[in-house]
Amino acid sequence: ARHGARQGATAASGVAEPAYVGADA
């Protein structure tokens, strides 16, 4: 829940979200 909330705040600020594990280039 803590990291999910942090991810939502990052998306709301307009900053590009870091890629998930297993993402391509």
PDB file of all heavy atoms in Angstrom:
ATOM      1  N   ALA A   1       0.826  -1.207   0.000  1.00  0.00           N
ATOM      2  CA  ALA A   1       0.000   0.000   0.000  1.00  0.00           C
ATOM      3  C   ALA A   1       0.863   1.261   0.000  1.00  0.00           C
ATOM      4  O   ALA A   1       0.547   2.236  -0.694  1.00  0.00           O
ATOM      5  CB  ALA A   1      -0.921  -0.003   1.214  1.00  0.00           C
ATOM      6  N   ARG A   2       1.960   1.260   0.746  1.00  0.00           N
ATOM      7  CA  ARG A   2       2.831   2.430   0.824  1.00  0.00           C
ATOM      8  C   ARG A   2       3.480   2.716  -0.516  1.00  0.00           C
ATOM      9  O   ARG A   2       3.480   3.854  -0.989  1.00  0.00           O
ATOM     10  CB  ARG A   2       3.892   2.212   1.903  1.00  0.00           C
ATOM     11  CG  ARG A   2       4.826   3.416   2.086  1.00  0.00           C
ATOM     12  CD  ARG A   2       5.677   3.268   3.317  1.00  0.00           C
ATOM     13  NE  ARG A   2       6.540   2.098   3.247  1.00  0.00           N
ATOM     14  CZ  ARG A   2       6.365   1.007   3.990  1.00  0.00           C
ATOM     15  NH1 ARG A   2       5.356   0.935   4.841  1.00  0.00           N
ATOM     16  NH2 ARG A   2       7.198  -0.013   3.887  1.00  0.00           N
ATOM     17  N   HIS A   3       4.013   1.695  -1.148  1.00  0.00           N
ATOM     18  CA  HIS A   3       4.671   1.909  -2.435  1.00  0.00           C
ATOM     19  C   HIS A   3       3.665   2.155  -3.539  1.00  0.00           C
ATOM     20  O   HIS A   3       3.958   2.852  -4.505  1.00  0.00           O
ATOM     21  CB  HIS A   3       5.555   0.708  -2.770  1.00  0.00           C
ATOM     22  CG  HIS A   3       6.809   0.664  -1.962  1.00  0.00           C
ATOM     23  ND1 HIS A   3       7.985   1.225  -2.395  1.00  0.00           N
ATOM     24  CD2 HIS A   3       7.076   0.148  -0.725  1.00  0.00           C
ATOM     25  CE1 HIS A   3       8.930   1.051  -1.476  1.00  0.00           C
ATOM     26  NE2 HIS A   3       8.404   0.394  -0.456  1.00  0.00           N
ATOM     27  N   GLY A   4       2.455   1.578  -3.413  1.00  0.00           N
ATOM     28  CA  GLY A   4       1.425   1.873  -4.400  1.00  0.00           C
ATOM     29  C   GLY A   4       0.984   3.317  -4.331  1.00  0.00           C
ATOM     30  O   GLY A   4       0.763   3.974  -5.346  1.00  0.00           O
ATOM     31  N   ALA A   5       0.882   3.888  -3.104  1.00  0.00           N
ATOM     32  CA  ALA A   5       0.529   5.298  -2.938  1.00  0.00           C
ATOM     33  C   ALA A   5       1.625   6.201  -3.486  1.00  0.00           C
ATOM     34  O   ALA A   5       1.358   7.231  -4.093  1.00  0.00           O
ATOM     35  CB  ALA A   5       0.273   5.599  -1.459  1.00  0.00           C
ATOM     36  N   ARG A   6       2.886   5.812  -3.286  1.00  0.00           N
ATOM     37  CA  ARG A   6       4.001   6.597  -3.809  1.00  0.00           C
ATOM     38  C   ARG A   6       3.988   6.610  -5.325  1.00  0.00           C
ATOM     39  O   ARG A   6       4.251   7.632  -5.957  1.00  0.00           O
ATOM     40  CB  ARG A   6       5.314   6.016  -3.295  1.00  0.00           C
ATOM     41  CG  ARG A   6       6.546   6.805  -3.711  1.00  0.00           C
ATOM     42  CD  ARG A   6       7.797   6.138  -3.171  1.00  0.00           C
ATOM     43  NE  ARG A   6       7.729   6.018  -1.710  1.00  0.00           N
ATOM     44  CZ  ARG A   6       8.635   5.369  -0.998  1.00  0.00           C
ATOM     45  NH1 ARG A   6       9.664   4.788  -1.593  1.00  0.00           N
ATOM     46  NH2 ARG A   6       8.521   5.300   0.316  1.00  0.00           N
ATOM     47  N   GLN A   7       3.627   5.472  -5.918  1.00  0.00           N
ATOM     48  CA  GLN A   7       3.557   5.396  -7.378  1.00  0.00           C
ATOM     49  C   GLN A   7       2.454   6.306  -7.898  1.00  0.00           C
ATOM     50  O   GLN A   7       2.621   6.993  -8.905  1.00  0.00           O
ATOM     51  CB  GLN A   7       3.286   3.956  -7.804  1.00  0.00           C
ATOM     52  CG  GLN A   7       3.102   3.791  -9.313  1.00  0.00           C
ATOM     53  CD  GLN A   7       2.713   2.373  -9.673  1.00  0.00           C
ATOM     54  OE1 GLN A   7       2.690   1.504  -8.821  1.00  0.00           O
ATOM     55  NE2 GLN A   7       2.389   2.168 -10.933  1.00  0.00           N
ATOM     56  N   GLY A   8       1.292   6.337  -7.189  1.00  0.00           N
ATOM     57  CA  GLY A   8       0.206   7.198  -7.620  1.00  0.00           C
ATOM     58  C   GLY A   8       0.569   8.670  -7.515  1.00  0.00           C
ATOM     59  O   GLY A   8       0.204   9.476  -8.361  1.00  0.00           O
ATOM     60  N   ALA A   9       1.313   9.063  -6.474  1.00  0.00           N
ATOM     61  CA  ALA A   9       1.736  10.451  -6.317  1.00  0.00           C
ATOM     62  C   ALA A   9       2.702  10.853  -7.426  1.00  0.00           C
ATOM     63  O   ALA A   9       2.657  11.969  -7.941  1.00  0.00           O
ATOM     64  CB  ALA A   9       2.383  10.653  -4.946  1.00  0.00           C
ATOM     65  N   THR A  10       3.574   9.947  -7.816  1.00  0.00           N
ATOM     66  CA  THR A  10       4.519  10.225  -8.896  1.00  0.00           C
ATOM     67  C   THR A  10       3.793  10.461 -10.205  1.00  0.00           C
ATOM     68  O   THR A  10       4.117  11.362 -10.979  1.00  0.00           O
ATOM     69  CB  THR A  10       5.515   9.068  -9.037  1.00  0.00           C
ATOM     70  OG1 THR A  10       6.160   8.875  -7.791  1.00  0.00           O
ATOM     71  CG2 THR A  10       6.524   9.350 -10.125  1.00  0.00           C
ATOM     72  N   ALA A  11       2.788   9.633 -10.475  1.00  0.00           N
ATOM     73  CA  ALA A  11       2.025   9.784 -11.714  1.00  0.00           C
ATOM     74  C   ALA A  11       1.252  11.094 -11.709  1.00  0.00           C
ATOM     75  O   ALA A  11       1.120  11.755 -12.744  1.00  0.00           O
ATOM     76  CB  ALA A  11       1.075   8.595 -11.877  1.00  0.00           C
ATOM     77  N   ALA A  12       0.721  11.529 -10.546  1.00  0.00           N
ATOM     78  CA  ALA A  12      -0.050  12.761 -10.477  1.00  0.00           C
ATOM     79  C   ALA A  12       0.824  13.992 -10.683  1.00  0.00           C
ATOM     80  O   ALA A  12       0.369  15.015 -11.188  1.00  0.00           O
ATOM     81  CB  ALA A  12      -0.768  12.854  -9.122  1.00  0.00           C
ATOM     82  N   SER A  13       2.112  13.908 -10.299  1.00  0.00           N
ATOM     83  CA  SER A  13       3.014  15.040 -10.453  1.00  0.00           C
ATOM     84  C   SER A  13       3.517  15.212 -11.868  1.00  0.00           C
ATOM     85  O   SER A  13       4.176  16.188 -12.178  1.00  0.00           O
ATOM     86  CB  SER A  13       4.208  14.878  -9.502  1.00  0.00           C
ATOM     87  OG  SER A  13       4.957  13.726  -9.855  1.00  0.00           O
ATOM     88  N   GLY A  14       3.247  14.253 -12.743  1.00  0.00           N
ATOM     89  CA  GLY A  14       3.664  14.350 -14.128  1.00  0.00           C
ATOM     90  C   GLY A  14       5.035  13.815 -14.395  1.00  0.00           C
ATOM     91  O   GLY A  14       5.542  13.906 -15.512  1.00  0.00           O
ATOM     92  N   VAL A  15       5.707  13.268 -13.374  1.00  0.00           N
ATOM     93  CA  VAL A  15       7.035  12.695 -13.561  1.00  0.00           C
ATOM     94  C   VAL A  15       6.891  11.310 -14.149  1.00  0.00           C
ATOM     95  O   VAL A  15       5.998  10.555 -13.768  1.00  0.00           O
ATOM     96  CB  VAL A  15       7.786  12.629 -12.215  1.00  0.00           C
ATOM     97  CG1 VAL A  15       9.182  12.041 -12.413  1.00  0.00           C
ATOM     98  CG2 VAL A  15       7.874  14.018 -11.619  1.00  0.00           C
ATOM     99  N   ALA A  16       7.759  10.986 -15.062  1.00  0.00           N
ATOM    100  CA  ALA A  16       7.692   9.670 -15.689  1.00  0.00           C
ATOM    101  C   ALA A  16       7.897   8.592 -14.647  1.00  0.00           C
ATOM    102  O   ALA A  16       8.807   8.680 -13.816  1.00  0.00           O
ATOM    103  CB  ALA A  16       8.758   9.546 -16.788  1.00  0.00           C
ATOM    104  N   GLU A  17       7.023   7.563 -14.672  1.00  0.00           N
ATOM    105  CA  GLU A  17       7.114   6.470 -13.725  1.00  0.00           C
ATOM    106  C   GLU A  17       8.234   5.532 -14.091  1.00  0.00           C
ATOM    107  O   GLU A  17       8.485   5.278 -15.268  1.00  0.00           O
ATOM    108  CB  GLU A  17       5.803   5.678 -13.704  1.00  0.00           C
ATOM    109  CG  GLU A  17       4.621   6.505 -13.241  1.00  0.00           C
ATOM    110  CD  GLU A  17       3.371   5.664 -13.200  1.00  0.00           C
ATOM    111  OE1 GLU A  17       3.482   4.449 -13.451  1.00  0.00           O
ATOM    112  OE2 GLU A  17       2.292   6.204 -12.911  1.00  0.00           O
ATOM    113  N   PRO A  18       8.944   5.029 -13.131  1.00  0.00           N
ATOM    114  CA  PRO A  18       9.975   4.027 -13.424  1.00  0.00           C
ATOM    115  C   PRO A  18       9.347   2.760 -13.950  1.00  0.00           C
ATOM    116  O   PRO A  18       8.222   2.429 -13.615  1.00  0.00           O
ATOM    117  CB  PRO A  18      10.659   3.805 -12.073  1.00  0.00           C
ATOM    118  CG  PRO A  18       9.639   4.208 -11.061  1.00  0.00           C
ATOM    119  CD  PRO A  18       8.866   5.309 -11.680  1.00  0.00           C
ATOM    120  N   ALA A  19      10.118   2.058 -14.747  1.00  0.00           N
ATOM    121  CA  ALA A  19       9.603   0.845 -15.374  1.00  0.00           C
ATOM    122  C   ALA A  19       9.499  -0.271 -14.364  1.00  0.00           C
ATOM    123  O   ALA A  19      10.198  -0.285 -13.359  1.00  0.00           O
ATOM    124  CB  ALA A  19      10.523   0.420 -16.531  1.00  0.00           C
ATOM    125  N   TYR A  20       8.613  -1.236 -14.627  1.00  0.00           N
ATOM    126  CA  TYR A  20       8.455  -2.425 -13.799  1.00  0.00           C
ATOM    127  C   TYR A  20       9.568  -3.416 -14.097  1.00  0.00           C
ATOM    128  O   TYR A  20      10.224  -3.374 -15.126  1.00  0.00           O
ATOM    129  CB  TYR A  20       7.116  -3.102 -14.074  1.00  0.00           C
ATOM    130  CG  TYR A  20       5.923  -2.269 -13.707  1.00  0.00           C
ATOM    131  CD1 TYR A  20       4.777  -2.291 -14.483  1.00  0.00           C
ATOM    132  CD2 TYR A  20       5.960  -1.453 -12.581  1.00  0.00           C
ATOM    133  CE1 TYR A  20       3.676  -1.522 -14.149  1.00  0.00           C
ATOM    134  CE2 TYR A  20       4.867  -0.693 -12.234  1.00  0.00           C
ATOM    135  CZ  TYR A  20       3.732  -0.726 -13.019  1.00  0.00           C
ATOM    136  OH  TYR A  20       2.641   0.018 -12.690  1.00  0.00           O
ATOM    137  N   VAL A  21       9.729  -4.313 -13.182  1.00  0.00           N
ATOM    138  CA  VAL A  21      10.660  -5.407 -13.414  1.00  0.00           C
ATOM    139  C   VAL A  21      10.157  -6.223 -14.588  1.00  0.00           C
ATOM    140  O   VAL A  21       8.979  -6.558 -14.672  1.00  0.00           O
ATOM    141  CB  VAL A  21      10.772  -6.298 -12.163  1.00  0.00           C
ATOM    142  CG1 VAL A  21      11.570  -7.547 -12.483  1.00  0.00           C
ATOM    143  CG2 VAL A  21      11.431  -5.523 -11.037  1.00  0.00           C
ATOM    144  N   GLY A  22      11.022  -6.556 -15.492  1.00  0.00           N
ATOM    145  CA  GLY A  22      10.602  -7.334 -16.650  1.00  0.00           C
ATOM    146  C   GLY A  22      10.221  -6.454 -17.817  1.00  0.00           C
ATOM    147  O   GLY A  22       9.747  -6.942 -18.835  1.00  0.00           O
ATOM    148  N   ALA A  23      10.416  -5.118 -17.726  1.00  0.00           N
ATOM    149  CA  ALA A  23      10.073  -4.244 -18.825  1.00  0.00           C
ATOM    150  C   ALA A  23      11.189  -4.267 -19.845  1.00  0.00           C
ATOM    151  O   ALA A  23      12.337  -4.550 -19.568  1.00  0.00           O
ATOM    152  CB  ALA A  23       9.854  -2.818 -18.312  1.00  0.00           C
ATOM    153  N   ASP A  24      10.820  -3.906 -21.062  1.00  0.00           N
ATOM    154  CA  ASP A  24      11.823  -3.880 -22.130  1.00  0.00           C
ATOM    155  C   ASP A  24      12.516  -2.526 -22.128  1.00  0.00           C
ATOM    156  O   ASP A  24      12.344  -1.694 -21.247  1.00  0.00           O
ATOM    157  CB  ASP A  24      11.169  -4.193 -23.475  1.00  0.00           C
ATOM    158  CG  ASP A  24       9.993  -3.272 -23.769  1.00  0.00           C
ATOM    159  OD1 ASP A  24       9.925  -2.213 -23.118  1.00  0.00           O
ATOM    160  OD2 ASP A  24       9.168  -3.624 -24.630  1.00  0.00           O
ATOM    161  N   ALA A  25      13.287  -2.257 -23.171  1.00  0.00           N
ATOM    162  CA  ALA A  25      14.078  -1.040 -23.222  1.00  0.00           C
ATOM    163  C   ALA A  25      13.221   0.201 -23.297  1.00  0.00           C
ATOM    164  O   ALA A  25      13.633   1.295 -22.914  1.00  0.00           O
ATOM    165  CB  ALA A  25      15.031  -1.090 -24.425  1.00  0.00           C
TER     166      ALA A  25
END
